[in-house]
N, C-alpha and C. Protein backbone atom coordinates (compact mmCIF):
# COMPACT_ATOMS: atom_id res chain seq x y z
N MET A 1 1.17 -34.88 -15.21
CA MET A 1 1.70 -33.75 -14.49
C MET A 1 1.25 -32.47 -15.20
N SER A 2 0.74 -31.53 -14.46
CA SER A 2 0.32 -30.26 -15.03
C SER A 2 1.47 -29.25 -14.97
N SER A 3 1.40 -28.25 -15.82
CA SER A 3 2.44 -27.24 -15.83
C SER A 3 1.82 -25.86 -15.69
N TYR A 4 2.66 -24.90 -15.45
CA TYR A 4 2.23 -23.52 -15.26
C TYR A 4 3.10 -22.62 -16.12
N ALA A 5 2.49 -21.76 -16.85
CA ALA A 5 3.23 -20.76 -17.61
C ALA A 5 2.79 -19.39 -17.12
N GLY A 6 3.70 -18.59 -16.70
CA GLY A 6 3.34 -17.27 -16.19
C GLY A 6 4.42 -16.70 -15.33
N GLN A 7 4.03 -15.85 -14.42
CA GLN A 7 4.96 -15.15 -13.56
C GLN A 7 4.68 -15.49 -12.11
N VAL A 8 5.74 -15.73 -11.36
CA VAL A 8 5.63 -15.95 -9.92
C VAL A 8 6.35 -14.81 -9.23
N ASP A 9 5.66 -14.09 -8.38
CA ASP A 9 6.26 -13.02 -7.59
C ASP A 9 6.40 -13.52 -6.17
N ILE A 10 7.58 -13.36 -5.60
CA ILE A 10 7.83 -13.76 -4.23
C ILE A 10 8.14 -12.50 -3.43
N ASN A 11 7.30 -12.22 -2.45
CA ASN A 11 7.51 -11.09 -1.56
C ASN A 11 7.88 -11.61 -0.19
N VAL A 12 8.99 -11.17 0.33
CA VAL A 12 9.41 -11.54 1.68
C VAL A 12 9.05 -10.37 2.58
N THR A 13 8.25 -10.65 3.60
CA THR A 13 7.76 -9.56 4.44
C THR A 13 7.98 -9.85 5.91
N ARG A 14 8.00 -8.78 6.68
CA ARG A 14 7.97 -8.91 8.14
C ARG A 14 6.51 -8.89 8.53
N GLU A 15 6.05 -9.93 9.18
CA GLU A 15 4.62 -10.12 9.44
C GLU A 15 3.98 -8.94 10.15
N ASN A 16 4.66 -8.33 11.08
CA ASN A 16 4.02 -7.31 11.89
C ASN A 16 3.99 -5.93 11.25
N THR A 17 4.67 -5.71 10.12
CA THR A 17 4.71 -4.35 9.59
C THR A 17 4.34 -4.26 8.12
N GLY A 18 3.83 -5.30 7.50
CA GLY A 18 3.43 -5.20 6.11
C GLY A 18 4.55 -4.72 5.21
N HIS A 19 5.50 -5.58 4.88
CA HIS A 19 6.62 -5.27 4.00
C HIS A 19 7.58 -4.26 4.62
N GLY A 20 7.60 -4.12 5.92
CA GLY A 20 8.51 -3.19 6.55
C GLY A 20 8.12 -1.73 6.31
N THR A 21 6.91 -1.49 5.84
CA THR A 21 6.48 -0.12 5.58
C THR A 21 5.72 0.41 6.79
N ASP A 22 5.32 1.66 6.69
CA ASP A 22 4.74 2.33 7.83
C ASP A 22 3.21 2.35 7.81
N VAL A 23 2.62 2.55 6.65
CA VAL A 23 1.17 2.51 6.49
C VAL A 23 0.90 1.54 5.35
N TYR A 24 0.08 0.53 5.61
CA TYR A 24 -0.11 -0.56 4.66
C TYR A 24 -1.59 -0.79 4.38
N TYR A 25 -1.92 -0.91 3.09
CA TYR A 25 -3.28 -1.27 2.68
C TYR A 25 -3.18 -2.39 1.64
N SER A 26 -4.20 -3.21 1.58
CA SER A 26 -4.28 -4.27 0.58
C SER A 26 -5.67 -4.20 -0.04
N ILE A 27 -5.70 -4.19 -1.38
CA ILE A 27 -6.97 -4.13 -2.10
C ILE A 27 -6.96 -5.16 -3.22
N SER A 28 -8.13 -5.45 -3.74
CA SER A 28 -8.26 -6.36 -4.87
C SER A 28 -8.12 -5.58 -6.17
N LYS A 29 -7.68 -6.27 -7.21
CA LYS A 29 -7.57 -5.66 -8.53
C LYS A 29 -8.91 -5.05 -8.91
N GLY A 30 -8.89 -3.82 -9.42
CA GLY A 30 -10.11 -3.13 -9.83
C GLY A 30 -10.76 -2.31 -8.73
N ALA A 31 -10.30 -2.48 -7.47
CA ALA A 31 -10.85 -1.71 -6.35
C ALA A 31 -10.05 -0.42 -6.18
N THR A 32 -10.58 0.51 -5.42
CA THR A 32 -9.88 1.73 -5.05
C THR A 32 -9.69 1.73 -3.54
N LYS A 33 -8.79 2.57 -3.04
CA LYS A 33 -8.58 2.67 -1.60
C LYS A 33 -8.46 4.12 -1.18
N THR A 34 -9.39 4.55 -0.32
CA THR A 34 -9.33 5.88 0.25
C THR A 34 -8.53 5.81 1.54
N LEU A 35 -7.56 6.71 1.68
CA LEU A 35 -6.69 6.71 2.84
C LEU A 35 -7.45 7.12 4.09
N ASP A 36 -6.98 6.64 5.22
CA ASP A 36 -7.57 6.97 6.51
C ASP A 36 -6.50 7.71 7.31
N ASP A 37 -6.73 8.96 7.66
CA ASP A 37 -5.70 9.73 8.35
C ASP A 37 -5.34 9.14 9.71
N THR A 38 -6.25 8.38 10.33
CA THR A 38 -5.90 7.76 11.62
C THR A 38 -4.82 6.71 11.45
N ASP A 39 -4.71 6.07 10.28
CA ASP A 39 -3.62 5.11 10.06
C ASP A 39 -2.27 5.82 10.08
N PHE A 40 -2.21 7.02 9.57
CA PHE A 40 -0.97 7.80 9.60
C PHE A 40 -0.69 8.30 11.02
N THR A 41 -1.74 8.71 11.72
CA THR A 41 -1.59 9.16 13.10
C THR A 41 -1.14 8.01 13.99
N ASP A 42 -1.73 6.81 13.81
CA ASP A 42 -1.34 5.64 14.59
C ASP A 42 0.11 5.28 14.36
N PHE A 43 0.57 5.42 13.12
CA PHE A 43 1.97 5.13 12.80
C PHE A 43 2.89 6.08 13.55
N TYR A 44 2.51 7.35 13.61
CA TYR A 44 3.39 8.37 14.18
C TYR A 44 3.49 8.26 15.69
N GLY A 45 2.46 7.81 16.37
CA GLY A 45 2.56 7.62 17.81
C GLY A 45 1.83 8.68 18.61
N ASP A 46 2.45 9.11 19.70
CA ASP A 46 1.80 9.98 20.67
C ASP A 46 1.64 11.43 20.21
N GLU A 47 2.49 11.90 19.31
CA GLU A 47 2.38 13.27 18.83
C GLU A 47 1.17 13.42 17.92
N VAL A 48 0.67 14.63 17.77
CA VAL A 48 -0.50 14.88 16.95
C VAL A 48 -0.04 15.20 15.53
N LEU A 49 -0.44 14.35 14.58
CA LEU A 49 -0.08 14.55 13.18
C LEU A 49 -0.77 15.79 12.66
N SER A 50 -0.03 16.65 12.00
CA SER A 50 -0.61 17.84 11.38
C SER A 50 -0.88 17.57 9.90
N TYR A 51 0.16 17.19 9.15
CA TYR A 51 -0.01 16.94 7.72
C TYR A 51 1.11 16.06 7.19
N ILE A 52 0.89 15.53 5.99
CA ILE A 52 1.94 14.82 5.27
C ILE A 52 2.10 15.46 3.90
N ARG A 53 3.26 15.22 3.31
CA ARG A 53 3.53 15.62 1.93
C ARG A 53 4.18 14.41 1.26
N PHE A 54 3.68 14.03 0.10
CA PHE A 54 4.24 12.89 -0.62
C PHE A 54 5.57 13.30 -1.26
N ASP A 55 6.60 12.47 -1.05
CA ASP A 55 7.93 12.74 -1.61
C ASP A 55 7.98 12.40 -3.09
N SER A 56 7.23 11.39 -3.48
CA SER A 56 7.08 11.03 -4.89
C SER A 56 5.73 10.34 -5.04
N LEU A 57 5.31 10.16 -6.28
CA LEU A 57 3.99 9.59 -6.56
C LEU A 57 4.14 8.30 -7.35
N PRO A 58 3.11 7.46 -7.38
CA PRO A 58 3.20 6.21 -8.13
C PRO A 58 3.43 6.47 -9.62
N ALA A 59 4.11 5.52 -10.27
CA ALA A 59 4.26 5.58 -11.73
C ALA A 59 2.88 5.38 -12.35
N SER A 60 2.67 5.93 -13.53
CA SER A 60 1.35 5.84 -14.18
C SER A 60 0.95 4.39 -14.43
N ARG A 61 1.91 3.50 -14.63
CA ARG A 61 1.59 2.08 -14.85
C ARG A 61 1.07 1.42 -13.57
N GLU A 62 1.32 2.06 -12.40
CA GLU A 62 0.85 1.53 -11.13
C GLU A 62 -0.52 2.09 -10.74
N GLY A 63 -0.71 3.39 -10.94
CA GLY A 63 -1.98 4.01 -10.58
C GLY A 63 -1.80 5.47 -10.26
N VAL A 64 -2.87 6.08 -9.74
CA VAL A 64 -2.89 7.51 -9.46
C VAL A 64 -3.52 7.75 -8.09
N LEU A 65 -2.97 8.72 -7.37
CA LEU A 65 -3.60 9.22 -6.15
C LEU A 65 -4.43 10.45 -6.52
N TYR A 66 -5.71 10.44 -6.14
CA TYR A 66 -6.60 11.57 -6.39
C TYR A 66 -7.10 12.14 -5.06
N HIS A 67 -7.29 13.45 -5.04
CA HIS A 67 -7.94 14.08 -3.90
C HIS A 67 -9.37 14.40 -4.31
N GLY A 68 -10.35 13.94 -3.54
CA GLY A 68 -11.75 14.20 -3.85
C GLY A 68 -12.35 13.22 -4.84
N TYR A 69 -11.75 12.03 -4.98
CA TYR A 69 -12.27 11.01 -5.90
C TYR A 69 -13.66 10.55 -5.46
N ARG A 70 -14.59 10.48 -6.41
CA ARG A 70 -15.93 9.96 -6.14
C ARG A 70 -16.26 8.75 -7.01
N SER A 71 -15.81 8.80 -8.27
CA SER A 71 -16.08 7.71 -9.20
C SER A 71 -15.13 7.85 -10.39
N ALA A 72 -15.17 6.87 -11.29
CA ALA A 72 -14.32 6.92 -12.48
C ALA A 72 -14.64 8.13 -13.35
N SER A 73 -15.87 8.63 -13.26
CA SER A 73 -16.24 9.81 -14.05
C SER A 73 -16.10 11.12 -13.27
N ASN A 74 -15.78 11.03 -11.98
CA ASN A 74 -15.61 12.20 -11.13
C ASN A 74 -14.39 11.96 -10.23
N VAL A 75 -13.20 12.11 -10.81
CA VAL A 75 -11.97 11.69 -10.11
C VAL A 75 -11.39 12.74 -9.18
N GLY A 76 -11.88 13.94 -9.18
CA GLY A 76 -11.29 14.98 -8.35
C GLY A 76 -10.03 15.51 -8.99
N THR A 77 -9.02 15.81 -8.18
CA THR A 77 -7.75 16.34 -8.70
C THR A 77 -6.61 15.40 -8.35
N ALA A 78 -5.61 15.35 -9.21
CA ALA A 78 -4.44 14.51 -8.94
C ALA A 78 -3.66 15.07 -7.76
N VAL A 79 -3.21 14.19 -6.89
CA VAL A 79 -2.37 14.58 -5.75
C VAL A 79 -1.04 15.09 -6.27
N LYS A 80 -0.46 16.05 -5.56
CA LYS A 80 0.81 16.65 -5.96
C LYS A 80 1.85 16.48 -4.85
N THR A 81 3.11 16.48 -5.23
CA THR A 81 4.18 16.33 -4.24
C THR A 81 4.44 17.61 -3.46
N ASP A 82 4.04 18.74 -3.97
CA ASP A 82 4.33 20.01 -3.28
C ASP A 82 3.14 20.52 -2.47
N THR A 83 2.20 19.63 -2.13
CA THR A 83 1.00 20.03 -1.40
C THR A 83 0.95 19.32 -0.06
N ASN A 84 0.57 20.05 0.99
CA ASN A 84 0.36 19.46 2.31
C ASN A 84 -1.05 18.88 2.36
N TYR A 85 -1.16 17.64 2.86
CA TYR A 85 -2.46 16.99 3.04
C TYR A 85 -2.66 16.77 4.53
N TYR A 86 -3.71 17.37 5.07
CA TYR A 86 -3.88 17.53 6.51
C TYR A 86 -4.72 16.43 7.15
N SER A 87 -4.32 16.10 8.37
CA SER A 87 -5.10 15.21 9.22
C SER A 87 -6.20 16.05 9.87
N GLY A 88 -7.38 15.48 10.02
CA GLY A 88 -8.47 16.22 10.64
C GLY A 88 -9.34 16.93 9.63
N THR A 89 -9.77 18.15 9.97
CA THR A 89 -10.77 18.83 9.15
C THR A 89 -10.22 19.91 8.22
N ARG A 90 -8.92 20.22 8.34
CA ARG A 90 -8.34 21.25 7.48
C ARG A 90 -8.14 20.71 6.06
N ASN A 91 -8.39 21.55 5.06
CA ASN A 91 -8.26 21.14 3.65
C ASN A 91 -6.92 21.56 3.08
N PRO A 92 -6.39 20.80 2.11
CA PRO A 92 -6.93 19.53 1.59
C PRO A 92 -6.67 18.38 2.58
N ARG A 93 -7.69 17.58 2.76
CA ARG A 93 -7.66 16.53 3.79
C ARG A 93 -7.02 15.25 3.29
N LEU A 94 -6.22 14.66 4.16
CA LEU A 94 -5.55 13.38 3.88
C LEU A 94 -6.57 12.27 3.67
N ASP A 95 -7.67 12.30 4.43
CA ASP A 95 -8.66 11.23 4.31
C ASP A 95 -9.60 11.39 3.11
N ARG A 96 -9.28 12.32 2.23
CA ARG A 96 -10.01 12.46 0.97
C ARG A 96 -9.15 12.04 -0.22
N ILE A 97 -8.02 11.40 0.08
CA ILE A 97 -7.13 10.90 -0.99
C ILE A 97 -7.47 9.45 -1.28
N THR A 98 -7.62 9.13 -2.55
CA THR A 98 -7.95 7.77 -2.98
C THR A 98 -6.91 7.30 -3.99
N PHE A 99 -6.43 6.07 -3.78
CA PHE A 99 -5.55 5.44 -4.76
C PHE A 99 -6.41 4.67 -5.75
N VAL A 100 -6.21 4.94 -7.04
CA VAL A 100 -6.90 4.24 -8.11
C VAL A 100 -5.84 3.50 -8.92
N PRO A 101 -5.79 2.16 -8.80
CA PRO A 101 -4.76 1.43 -9.54
C PRO A 101 -4.99 1.47 -11.05
N ALA A 102 -3.91 1.40 -11.80
CA ALA A 102 -4.02 1.29 -13.26
C ALA A 102 -4.81 0.03 -13.58
N GLU A 103 -5.46 0.03 -14.71
CA GLU A 103 -6.43 -1.02 -15.06
C GLU A 103 -5.89 -2.44 -14.91
N ASP A 104 -4.71 -2.74 -15.39
CA ASP A 104 -4.18 -4.10 -15.34
C ASP A 104 -3.10 -4.28 -14.30
N PHE A 105 -2.96 -3.33 -13.38
CA PHE A 105 -1.87 -3.41 -12.40
C PHE A 105 -2.20 -4.34 -11.25
N THR A 106 -1.26 -5.19 -10.91
CA THR A 106 -1.27 -5.94 -9.65
C THR A 106 0.15 -5.86 -9.10
N GLY A 107 0.27 -5.87 -7.80
CA GLY A 107 1.57 -5.77 -7.15
C GLY A 107 1.53 -4.71 -6.07
N SER A 108 2.70 -4.39 -5.54
CA SER A 108 2.79 -3.41 -4.47
C SER A 108 3.30 -2.08 -4.99
N VAL A 109 2.71 -1.01 -4.49
CA VAL A 109 3.11 0.36 -4.78
C VAL A 109 3.67 0.94 -3.49
N TYR A 110 4.86 1.49 -3.56
CA TYR A 110 5.49 2.11 -2.39
C TYR A 110 5.55 3.61 -2.62
N ILE A 111 4.96 4.38 -1.72
CA ILE A 111 4.86 5.82 -1.88
C ILE A 111 5.48 6.49 -0.65
N PRO A 112 6.68 7.06 -0.81
CA PRO A 112 7.32 7.71 0.34
C PRO A 112 6.66 9.05 0.66
N PHE A 113 6.60 9.37 1.95
CA PHE A 113 6.02 10.63 2.38
C PHE A 113 6.82 11.18 3.56
N THR A 114 6.63 12.44 3.82
CA THR A 114 7.16 13.08 5.02
C THR A 114 5.99 13.65 5.78
N GLY A 115 5.95 13.39 7.08
CA GLY A 115 4.89 13.92 7.93
C GLY A 115 5.43 14.95 8.89
N TRP A 116 4.55 15.83 9.34
CA TRP A 116 4.90 16.85 10.33
C TRP A 116 3.88 16.80 11.46
N ASP A 117 4.37 16.92 12.70
CA ASP A 117 3.44 17.02 13.82
C ASP A 117 3.10 18.48 14.07
N GLN A 118 2.26 18.74 15.05
CA GLN A 118 1.82 20.11 15.33
C GLN A 118 2.93 21.00 15.87
N ASN A 119 4.06 20.39 16.29
CA ASN A 119 5.20 21.16 16.77
C ASN A 119 6.23 21.41 15.67
N GLY A 120 5.94 20.96 14.45
CA GLY A 120 6.86 21.18 13.33
C GLY A 120 7.92 20.11 13.17
N ASN A 121 7.86 19.05 13.99
CA ASN A 121 8.82 17.94 13.87
C ASN A 121 8.48 17.10 12.65
N ARG A 122 9.52 16.71 11.89
CA ARG A 122 9.34 15.92 10.66
C ARG A 122 9.61 14.45 10.94
N PHE A 123 8.95 13.59 10.16
CA PHE A 123 9.26 12.16 10.20
C PHE A 123 9.04 11.56 8.82
N PRO A 124 9.92 10.65 8.39
CA PRO A 124 9.74 9.99 7.10
C PRO A 124 8.84 8.77 7.25
N GLY A 125 8.21 8.39 6.16
CA GLY A 125 7.39 7.19 6.16
C GLY A 125 7.17 6.68 4.75
N THR A 126 6.62 5.48 4.67
CA THR A 126 6.29 4.88 3.38
C THR A 126 4.88 4.31 3.44
N LEU A 127 4.08 4.67 2.46
CA LEU A 127 2.75 4.11 2.27
C LEU A 127 2.89 2.98 1.27
N GLU A 128 2.39 1.80 1.62
CA GLU A 128 2.38 0.68 0.68
C GLU A 128 0.94 0.29 0.41
N ILE A 129 0.62 0.13 -0.87
CA ILE A 129 -0.70 -0.37 -1.27
C ILE A 129 -0.45 -1.60 -2.12
N ASN A 130 -0.94 -2.74 -1.65
CA ASN A 130 -0.78 -4.01 -2.36
C ASN A 130 -2.06 -4.28 -3.13
N VAL A 131 -1.95 -4.34 -4.45
CA VAL A 131 -3.10 -4.61 -5.31
C VAL A 131 -3.02 -6.09 -5.70
N LYS A 132 -3.96 -6.86 -5.18
CA LYS A 132 -3.96 -8.30 -5.41
C LYS A 132 -4.75 -8.65 -6.65
N GLY A 133 -4.25 -9.63 -7.40
CA GLY A 133 -4.93 -10.10 -8.60
C GLY A 133 -6.23 -10.79 -8.26
N GLY A 134 -7.11 -10.88 -9.23
CA GLY A 134 -8.39 -11.55 -9.03
C GLY A 134 -8.90 -12.09 -10.34
N GLY A 135 -9.89 -12.93 -10.28
CA GLY A 135 -10.47 -13.49 -11.49
C GLY A 135 -9.75 -14.75 -11.93
N ASP A 136 -10.07 -15.25 -13.13
CA ASP A 136 -9.47 -16.47 -13.64
C ASP A 136 -7.98 -16.29 -13.85
N GLY A 137 -7.22 -17.28 -13.40
CA GLY A 137 -5.78 -17.26 -13.59
C GLY A 137 -5.03 -16.45 -12.56
N TYR A 138 -5.72 -15.83 -11.61
CA TYR A 138 -5.06 -15.05 -10.58
C TYR A 138 -5.33 -15.69 -9.24
N GLY A 139 -4.46 -15.46 -8.31
CA GLY A 139 -4.69 -15.92 -6.96
C GLY A 139 -3.45 -15.75 -6.12
N ASP A 140 -3.64 -15.72 -4.84
CA ASP A 140 -2.55 -15.57 -3.91
C ASP A 140 -2.45 -16.83 -3.08
N ILE A 141 -1.24 -17.31 -2.91
CA ILE A 141 -0.96 -18.41 -2.01
C ILE A 141 -0.02 -17.85 -0.96
N LEU A 142 -0.42 -17.92 0.28
CA LEU A 142 0.35 -17.31 1.34
C LEU A 142 1.05 -18.37 2.18
N TYR A 143 2.32 -18.14 2.46
CA TYR A 143 3.11 -18.98 3.35
C TYR A 143 3.61 -18.10 4.48
N SER A 144 3.73 -18.68 5.64
CA SER A 144 4.27 -17.95 6.77
C SER A 144 5.38 -18.78 7.39
N CYS A 145 6.54 -18.17 7.55
CA CYS A 145 7.69 -18.87 8.10
C CYS A 145 8.44 -17.98 9.07
N ALA A 146 9.07 -18.60 10.03
CA ALA A 146 9.96 -17.88 10.94
C ALA A 146 11.27 -17.63 10.22
N PRO A 147 12.02 -16.60 10.64
CA PRO A 147 13.33 -16.35 10.04
C PRO A 147 14.22 -17.58 10.12
N GLY A 148 14.99 -17.82 9.06
CA GLY A 148 15.89 -18.97 9.03
C GLY A 148 15.25 -20.26 8.55
N ARG A 149 14.00 -20.19 8.13
CA ARG A 149 13.30 -21.37 7.63
C ARG A 149 12.99 -21.17 6.16
N THR A 150 12.68 -22.26 5.46
CA THR A 150 12.40 -22.18 4.03
C THR A 150 11.01 -22.71 3.72
N VAL A 151 10.53 -22.40 2.54
CA VAL A 151 9.25 -22.89 2.05
C VAL A 151 9.51 -23.75 0.83
N ASN A 152 8.92 -24.96 0.79
CA ASN A 152 9.01 -25.83 -0.37
C ASN A 152 7.82 -25.53 -1.26
N LEU A 153 8.07 -24.88 -2.40
CA LEU A 153 6.97 -24.49 -3.28
C LEU A 153 6.38 -25.66 -4.05
N ARG A 154 6.98 -26.82 -3.97
CA ARG A 154 6.42 -28.01 -4.63
C ARG A 154 5.26 -28.60 -3.85
N LYS A 155 5.19 -28.29 -2.58
CA LYS A 155 4.09 -28.81 -1.77
C LYS A 155 2.79 -28.15 -2.18
N ARG A 156 1.67 -28.84 -2.05
CA ARG A 156 0.38 -28.31 -2.46
C ARG A 156 -0.37 -27.66 -1.31
N THR A 157 0.19 -27.66 -0.13
CA THR A 157 -0.48 -27.04 1.01
C THR A 157 0.22 -25.77 1.39
N SER A 158 -0.53 -24.81 1.88
CA SER A 158 0.04 -23.55 2.32
C SER A 158 0.64 -23.70 3.70
N GLY A 159 1.66 -22.91 3.97
CA GLY A 159 2.15 -22.77 5.31
C GLY A 159 3.24 -23.74 5.73
N SER A 160 3.72 -24.63 4.87
CA SER A 160 4.75 -25.58 5.25
C SER A 160 6.12 -24.90 5.25
N CYS A 161 6.88 -25.15 6.30
CA CYS A 161 8.23 -24.60 6.40
C CYS A 161 9.20 -25.71 6.76
N ALA A 162 10.44 -25.52 6.39
CA ALA A 162 11.48 -26.45 6.73
C ALA A 162 12.67 -25.68 7.28
N THR A 163 13.49 -26.34 8.07
CA THR A 163 14.68 -25.71 8.60
C THR A 163 15.74 -25.64 7.52
N THR A 164 16.45 -24.51 7.44
CA THR A 164 17.53 -24.38 6.45
C THR A 164 18.80 -24.98 6.97
């Protein structure tokens, strides 16, 4: 019998909304993610998104949001909570923001924001970025179950559910 020493993280999610958040991205460890303003517009619906403002920023152990990031040697400027980031062509642009995870970070980062439409109406939202582990000793095993069902983690196949 083999054994495992380490950490097991269990995330319970709603399949259709990515952890119940409003804008969701998933990246591999060591990768970066540049935001797409259409994802924020799609979340908001029929109204025209004007801009968002981040309510708080990731902890340094999780990573950093940069505006104008090009590379590790040309990171641009750190995103601020008191700055409007605009959809479309007005600067500073939302689609020029890049999340750079901390070197050894894996897991989910939740970043609350407030958005405004062109009529001045506000809406709250949450950006989630899931940084998945990679390389030796890392991996994701995904199970999918309907509400009220359980997963037997002793099974070696993915996706098995049982009635509770």
